[in-house]
Amino acid sequence: MALSKILLYYRFTPITDPNAVRLWQRDLCELLGLRGRILISKDGINATVGGELGAMKTYWRKTREYPGFGDIDFKWSEGSGLDSDGRIVDFPRLSVKVRDEIVSFGAPGELRVDPTGVVGGGTHLSPGAVHKLVQERGDDVVFFDGRNAFEAEIGRFKNAVVPDVATTRDFVAELESGRYDHLKNKPVVTYCTGGIRCEVLSSLMVSRGFSEVYQMDGGIVRYGESFGNTGLWEGALYVFDGRESITFGTDAATIGACVTCGAATSRMVNCAEGDCRVRVVHCEECTDAASALCSRHAGVMRPAGAVADRN
């Protein structure tokens, strides 16, 4: 039986001709029968791609041959399977596009990139180094979620600050609001799914006066691979493909709460009432009983700990 795999990766490095890279990546993926999403800009590449194992190994080898891409930290994970045409079922299609930003914070003019990566960002810490920092500094260490707020509804680091942002474009205004000024002299560890959002977020924080900013190297994915459910991570990791979420073992806690009945679940759906398309936690039983939600998500109950502030 053919195996399906998914690769998550990014690389910040100057790209002289983003459109040429787009055409190369599009042709390579089409040749290998891959699906997924790839964004390219003058500052680098951001991709999540999936397909049959052998094709994915070829894609991995070919992509690493491009100048500046040889040291990319590729993160492998299991796919959900292949369809009758041998294409991965977790993505509906292949999308390869050139954008101003490979992760959309709405601040392309602020980002500085050289061949080593983002200039002026936070200090990278391995999962083990994060634990060492917590052991040495204790409760002074602040975990700062660099994802959309809804992602934290089903999984986050213990006692993390979760900014109330609907998209990454909201982070600049959130940082400039003054809500987090009391954290500017604390050790702040930013984290996100695979690391890319924290590359930009940490640089935005440094430039706005946060004095001790770190970023979790490899993101939640690498942390989960290192510590599973025995460390500081709680719950499931939201992912932007057909899998919806993943866990780091069968012993993962379920911290999400259905907005209708309060039952523990990691299942998320789009609120489909009117113009609302917010992702909310909704168990299967309640979704079957009433597919549409709103008025304001039928009384959303935010889980304890998903806070936008910390003293």
Protein backbone atom coordinates (compact mmCIF):
# COMPACT_ATOMS: atom_id res chain seq x y z
CA MET A 1 0.00 0.00 0.00
CA ALA A 2 1.41 3.38 -1.05
CA LEU A 3 2.21 5.75 1.79
CA SER A 4 1.37 9.47 1.82
CA LYS A 5 3.57 12.10 3.43
CA ILE A 6 3.37 15.84 4.05
CA LEU A 7 6.31 18.24 4.14
CA LEU A 8 6.15 21.54 6.02
CA TYR A 9 9.03 23.94 5.48
CA TYR A 10 10.14 27.52 4.97
CA ARG A 11 13.31 29.44 4.29
CA PHE A 12 14.02 33.14 4.57
CA THR A 13 16.69 34.02 2.03
CA PRO A 14 16.90 36.63 -0.75
CA ILE A 15 15.34 35.36 -4.01
CA THR A 16 16.26 37.41 -7.07
CA ASP A 17 13.52 36.07 -9.36
CA PRO A 18 10.52 34.80 -7.36
CA ASN A 19 8.51 34.05 -10.50
CA ALA A 20 11.23 31.77 -11.86
CA VAL A 21 11.15 29.85 -8.55
CA ARG A 22 7.35 29.70 -8.78
CA LEU A 23 7.48 28.14 -12.25
CA TRP A 24 10.15 25.65 -11.18
CA GLN A 25 8.23 24.59 -8.07
CA ARG A 26 4.94 24.36 -9.98
CA ASP A 27 6.46 22.18 -12.72
CA LEU A 28 8.28 19.98 -10.19
CA CYS A 29 5.12 19.38 -8.15
CA GLU A 30 2.98 18.71 -11.22
CA LEU A 31 5.55 16.24 -12.55
CA LEU A 32 5.54 14.37 -9.22
CA GLY A 33 1.76 14.51 -8.71
CA LEU A 34 1.94 16.60 -5.54
CA ARG A 35 -0.63 18.90 -3.98
CA GLY A 36 -0.34 21.68 -1.43
CA ARG A 37 0.36 25.38 -1.03
CA ILE A 38 3.61 27.19 -1.83
CA LEU A 39 4.20 30.92 -1.36
CA ILE A 40 7.30 32.65 -2.73
CA SER A 41 8.52 36.23 -2.34
CA LYS A 42 11.75 38.14 -2.68
CA ASP A 43 12.40 37.14 0.95
CA GLY A 44 12.03 33.34 0.66
CA ILE A 45 9.67 30.39 0.39
CA ASN A 46 6.91 28.94 2.60
CA ALA A 47 5.37 25.58 1.71
CA THR A 48 3.20 22.69 2.80
CA VAL A 49 3.24 19.93 0.18
CA GLY A 50 2.01 16.36 0.18
CA GLY A 51 2.01 13.23 -1.95
CA GLU A 52 3.17 9.66 -2.32
CA LEU A 53 6.30 8.86 -0.28
CA GLY A 54 8.64 8.19 -3.21
CA ALA A 55 7.54 11.35 -5.00
CA MET A 56 7.99 13.35 -1.81
CA LYS A 57 11.54 12.09 -1.38
CA THR A 58 12.33 13.20 -4.93
CA TYR A 59 10.75 16.60 -4.25
CA TRP A 60 12.80 16.95 -1.06
CA ARG A 61 16.05 16.15 -2.89
CA LYS A 62 15.35 18.49 -5.82
CA THR A 63 14.27 21.41 -3.61
CA ARG A 64 17.41 21.13 -1.49
CA GLU A 65 19.54 21.55 -4.62
CA TYR A 66 18.41 25.17 -5.09
CA PRO A 67 21.00 27.71 -3.86
CA GLY A 68 20.09 28.81 -0.35
CA PHE A 69 17.65 25.93 0.23
CA GLY A 70 20.17 23.25 1.21
CA ASP A 71 19.84 23.76 4.96
CA ILE A 72 16.04 24.00 5.12
CA ASP A 73 14.51 22.30 8.15
CA PHE A 74 11.98 20.01 6.42
CA LYS A 75 9.30 18.68 8.79
CA TRP A 76 7.80 15.34 7.74
CA SER A 77 4.39 14.10 8.89
CA GLU A 78 1.87 11.43 7.94
CA GLY A 79 -0.75 12.16 5.32
CA SER A 80 -4.31 10.82 5.42
CA GLY A 81 -3.97 8.75 2.26
CA LEU A 82 -4.06 8.88 -1.54
CA ASP A 83 -7.05 9.06 -3.88
CA SER A 84 -7.66 6.80 -6.90
CA ASP A 85 -5.29 8.97 -8.98
CA GLY A 86 -2.49 8.63 -6.43
CA ARG A 87 -2.87 12.24 -5.18
CA ILE A 88 -2.88 13.09 -1.50
CA VAL A 89 -6.36 13.66 -0.07
CA ASP A 90 -5.35 16.32 2.47
CA PHE A 91 -5.18 19.09 -0.16
CA PRO A 92 -7.74 19.77 -2.90
CA ARG A 93 -5.22 21.11 -5.39
CA LEU A 94 -1.75 22.54 -5.98
CA SER A 95 -1.31 26.29 -5.46
CA VAL A 96 2.03 28.01 -6.16
CA LYS A 97 1.98 31.81 -5.93
CA VAL A 98 4.24 34.83 -5.65
CA ARG A 99 3.32 37.24 -2.84
CA ASP A 100 4.81 40.32 -1.18
CA GLU A 101 5.14 38.28 2.04
CA ILE A 102 5.47 34.53 2.54
CA VAL A 103 3.62 34.97 5.82
CA SER A 104 1.18 37.89 5.84
CA PHE A 105 1.83 40.27 8.73
CA GLY A 106 1.11 43.27 6.53
CA ALA A 107 4.55 44.71 7.18
CA PRO A 108 6.76 43.72 4.22
CA GLY A 109 8.77 46.93 4.51
CA GLU A 110 9.91 46.06 8.04
CA LEU A 111 11.34 42.62 7.31
CA ARG A 112 15.06 42.41 6.63
CA VAL A 113 16.49 39.21 5.20
CA ASP A 114 20.01 38.11 4.28
CA PRO A 115 21.37 34.68 3.23
CA THR A 116 21.40 33.55 6.88
CA GLY A 117 17.70 34.34 7.42
CA VAL A 118 15.74 37.11 9.15
CA VAL A 119 17.89 39.97 10.44
CA GLY A 120 17.10 41.30 13.93
CA GLY A 121 14.75 38.55 15.05
CA GLY A 122 14.55 36.65 18.29
CA THR A 123 17.14 34.18 19.54
CA HIS A 124 16.41 30.64 18.33
CA LEU A 125 16.00 28.06 21.09
CA SER A 126 15.76 24.31 20.58
CA PRO A 127 13.01 22.50 22.52
CA GLY A 128 15.61 21.38 25.06
CA ALA A 129 16.95 24.92 25.42
CA VAL A 130 13.40 26.16 26.04
CA HIS A 131 13.11 23.73 28.96
CA LYS A 132 16.48 24.88 30.30
CA LEU A 133 15.34 28.51 30.14
CA VAL A 134 12.18 27.66 32.10
CA GLN A 135 14.21 25.73 34.67
CA GLU A 136 16.54 28.69 35.15
CA ARG A 137 14.03 31.55 35.02
CA GLY A 138 10.83 29.88 36.22
CA ASP A 139 7.58 31.81 36.01
CA ASP A 140 9.34 34.85 34.57
CA VAL A 141 9.36 33.08 31.20
CA VAL A 142 6.37 34.05 29.05
CA PHE A 143 5.15 31.85 26.21
CA PHE A 144 3.66 34.08 23.50
CA ASP A 145 1.43 32.44 20.90
CA GLY A 146 2.24 33.59 17.36
CA ARG A 147 -0.79 31.96 15.73
CA ASN A 148 -4.37 33.00 15.08
CA ALA A 149 -6.29 32.95 18.36
CA PHE A 150 -8.66 30.20 17.27
CA GLU A 151 -5.77 27.75 16.87
CA ALA A 152 -5.05 28.01 20.60
CA GLU A 153 -8.60 26.92 21.45
CA ILE A 154 -7.53 23.28 21.01
CA GLY A 155 -3.83 23.42 21.93
CA ARG A 156 -1.26 25.76 23.45
CA PHE A 157 1.65 25.95 25.89
CA LYS A 158 0.78 26.04 29.58
CA ASN A 159 -0.12 29.55 30.78
CA ALA A 160 0.65 31.03 27.36
CA VAL A 161 -0.33 34.54 26.36
CA VAL A 162 -2.72 34.18 23.42
CA PRO A 163 -3.27 37.51 21.64
CA ASP A 164 -6.81 38.10 20.40
CA VAL A 165 -5.96 38.11 16.69
CA ALA A 166 -8.06 36.71 13.86
CA THR A 167 -5.17 36.76 11.36
CA THR A 168 -1.45 37.43 11.43
CA ARG A 169 -2.16 40.88 9.98
CA ASP A 170 -3.64 41.85 13.36
CA PHE A 171 -0.37 41.37 15.24
CA VAL A 172 1.21 44.75 14.44
CA ALA A 173 -1.74 46.69 15.87
CA GLU A 174 -1.92 44.27 18.81
CA LEU A 175 1.75 44.80 19.68
CA GLU A 176 1.36 48.57 19.37
CA SER A 177 -1.79 48.64 21.54
CA GLY A 178 0.21 48.70 24.78
CA ARG A 179 -1.44 45.51 26.07
CA TYR A 180 1.90 43.73 26.29
CA ASP A 181 4.19 46.55 27.39
CA HIS A 182 4.51 44.89 30.82
CA LEU A 183 6.27 41.99 29.06
CA LYS A 184 8.98 44.11 27.45
CA ASN A 185 11.55 43.31 30.14
CA LYS A 186 10.62 39.64 30.54
CA PRO A 187 12.02 36.62 28.67
CA VAL A 188 9.40 36.02 25.96
CA VAL A 189 9.35 32.75 23.99
CA THR A 190 7.33 33.07 20.78
CA TYR A 191 5.95 29.92 19.20
CA CYS A 192 3.86 28.88 16.21
CA THR A 193 3.22 25.74 14.16
CA GLY A 194 6.52 25.30 12.33
CA GLY A 195 8.46 28.44 13.18
CA ILE A 196 7.82 30.79 10.25
CA ARG A 197 5.34 33.14 11.90
CA CYS A 198 7.69 33.59 14.85
CA GLU A 199 10.56 34.55 12.56
CA VAL A 200 8.58 37.67 11.64
CA LEU A 201 6.74 38.16 14.94
CA SER A 202 9.94 38.08 17.00
CA SER A 203 11.56 40.70 14.75
CA LEU A 204 8.47 42.92 15.09
CA MET A 205 8.65 42.55 18.88
CA VAL A 206 12.38 43.36 19.03
CA SER A 207 11.87 46.50 16.93
CA ARG A 208 9.07 47.59 19.31
CA GLY A 209 11.19 47.44 22.44
CA PHE A 210 10.85 43.89 23.76
CA SER A 211 14.26 43.34 25.26
CA GLU A 212 14.55 39.54 25.53
CA VAL A 213 12.77 37.72 22.72
CA TYR A 214 13.22 34.06 21.81
CA GLN A 215 11.60 31.88 19.20
CA MET A 216 11.03 28.17 19.43
CA ASP A 217 13.21 26.63 16.73
CA GLY A 218 11.08 24.40 14.51
CA GLY A 219 7.92 25.51 16.25
CA ILE A 220 5.39 23.31 18.00
CA VAL A 221 6.09 20.51 15.51
CA ARG A 222 9.70 20.07 16.62
CA TYR A 223 8.77 20.51 20.28
CA GLY A 224 6.15 17.77 20.00
CA GLU A 225 8.62 15.46 18.30
CA SER A 226 11.04 16.00 21.19
CA PHE A 227 8.72 15.86 24.21
CA GLY A 228 5.41 14.48 22.98
CA ASN A 229 2.79 15.15 25.64
CA THR A 230 5.21 15.00 28.58
CA GLY A 231 6.40 18.61 28.41
CA LEU A 232 4.78 22.04 28.46
CA TRP A 233 2.52 21.62 25.42
CA GLU A 234 -1.14 20.79 26.01
CA GLY A 235 -3.75 19.54 23.54
CA ALA A 236 -3.83 19.23 19.74
CA LEU A 237 -2.02 21.19 17.04
CA TYR A 238 -4.28 22.86 14.47
CA VAL A 239 -3.06 22.41 10.88
CA PHE A 240 -4.26 24.07 7.68
CA ASP A 241 -5.07 21.01 5.61
CA GLY A 242 -7.59 18.19 5.50
CA ARG A 243 -6.29 16.64 8.71
CA GLU A 244 -7.56 19.69 10.68
CA SER A 245 -5.39 18.85 13.71
CA ILE A 246 -2.69 16.45 14.86
CA THR A 247 -1.51 15.24 18.25
CA PHE A 248 1.81 13.99 19.57
CA GLY A 249 0.55 10.62 20.77
CA THR A 250 -2.58 8.89 21.97
CA ASP A 251 -2.12 10.32 25.46
CA ALA A 252 -2.72 13.93 24.34
CA ALA A 253 -5.06 15.97 26.51
CA THR A 254 -8.23 17.36 24.93
CA ILE A 255 -8.49 20.99 26.04
CA GLY A 256 -10.95 22.30 23.46
CA ALA A 257 -14.57 22.80 24.59
CA CYS A 258 -17.57 22.65 22.26
CA VAL A 259 -19.12 26.12 22.02
CA THR A 260 -22.61 24.63 22.20
CA CYS A 261 -22.50 21.94 24.90
CA GLY A 262 -19.07 22.36 26.49
CA ALA A 263 -17.96 18.79 25.73
CA ALA A 264 -14.22 18.18 25.37
CA THR A 265 -13.27 18.05 21.68
CA SER A 266 -10.55 19.18 19.26
CA ARG A 267 -12.96 19.32 16.33
CA MET A 268 -13.24 22.71 14.60
CA VAL A 269 -15.77 23.93 12.03
CA ASN A 270 -16.55 27.12 10.16
CA CYS A 271 -19.39 29.12 11.67
CA ALA A 272 -21.63 29.01 8.62
CA GLU A 273 -24.37 31.45 9.59
CA GLY A 274 -24.67 34.59 7.45
CA ASP A 275 -21.34 36.30 6.80
CA CYS A 276 -19.55 34.68 9.75
CA ARG A 277 -16.75 32.28 8.79
CA VAL A 278 -14.90 32.12 12.09
CA ARG A 279 -13.43 28.75 13.07
CA VAL A 280 -15.01 27.49 16.29
CA VAL A 281 -14.73 24.36 18.41
CA HIS A 282 -17.84 22.25 17.82
CA CYS A 283 -18.36 18.58 18.66
CA GLU A 284 -19.78 16.22 16.07
CA GLU A 285 -23.04 15.69 17.95
CA CYS A 286 -23.84 19.39 18.14
CA THR A 287 -22.84 19.98 14.52
CA ASP A 288 -25.21 17.23 13.41
CA ALA A 289 -28.01 18.75 15.48
CA ALA A 290 -27.51 22.32 14.21
CA SER A 291 -25.02 22.91 11.40
CA ALA A 292 -25.20 26.74 11.56
CA LEU A 293 -24.10 28.69 14.64
CA CYS A 294 -24.05 32.42 15.43
CA SER A 295 -25.61 34.73 17.04
CA ARG A 296 -22.01 35.30 17.80
CA HIS A 297 -21.28 31.55 17.58
CA ALA A 298 -24.24 30.56 19.78
CA GLY A 299 -22.52 31.79 22.94
CA VAL A 300 -18.87 30.90 22.51
CA MET A 301 -17.15 29.63 25.65
CA ARG A 302 -13.42 30.38 25.51
CA PRO A 303 -11.39 27.69 27.29
CA ALA A 304 -9.68 28.62 30.52
CA GLY A 305 -6.12 29.73 29.87
CA ALA A 306 -6.70 31.15 26.38
CA VAL A 307 -5.97 34.63 27.62
CA ALA A 308 -4.76 37.76 25.89
CA ASP A 309 -2.85 39.12 28.87
CA ARG A 310 -0.56 38.05 31.66
CA ASN A 311 0.69 40.01 34.64
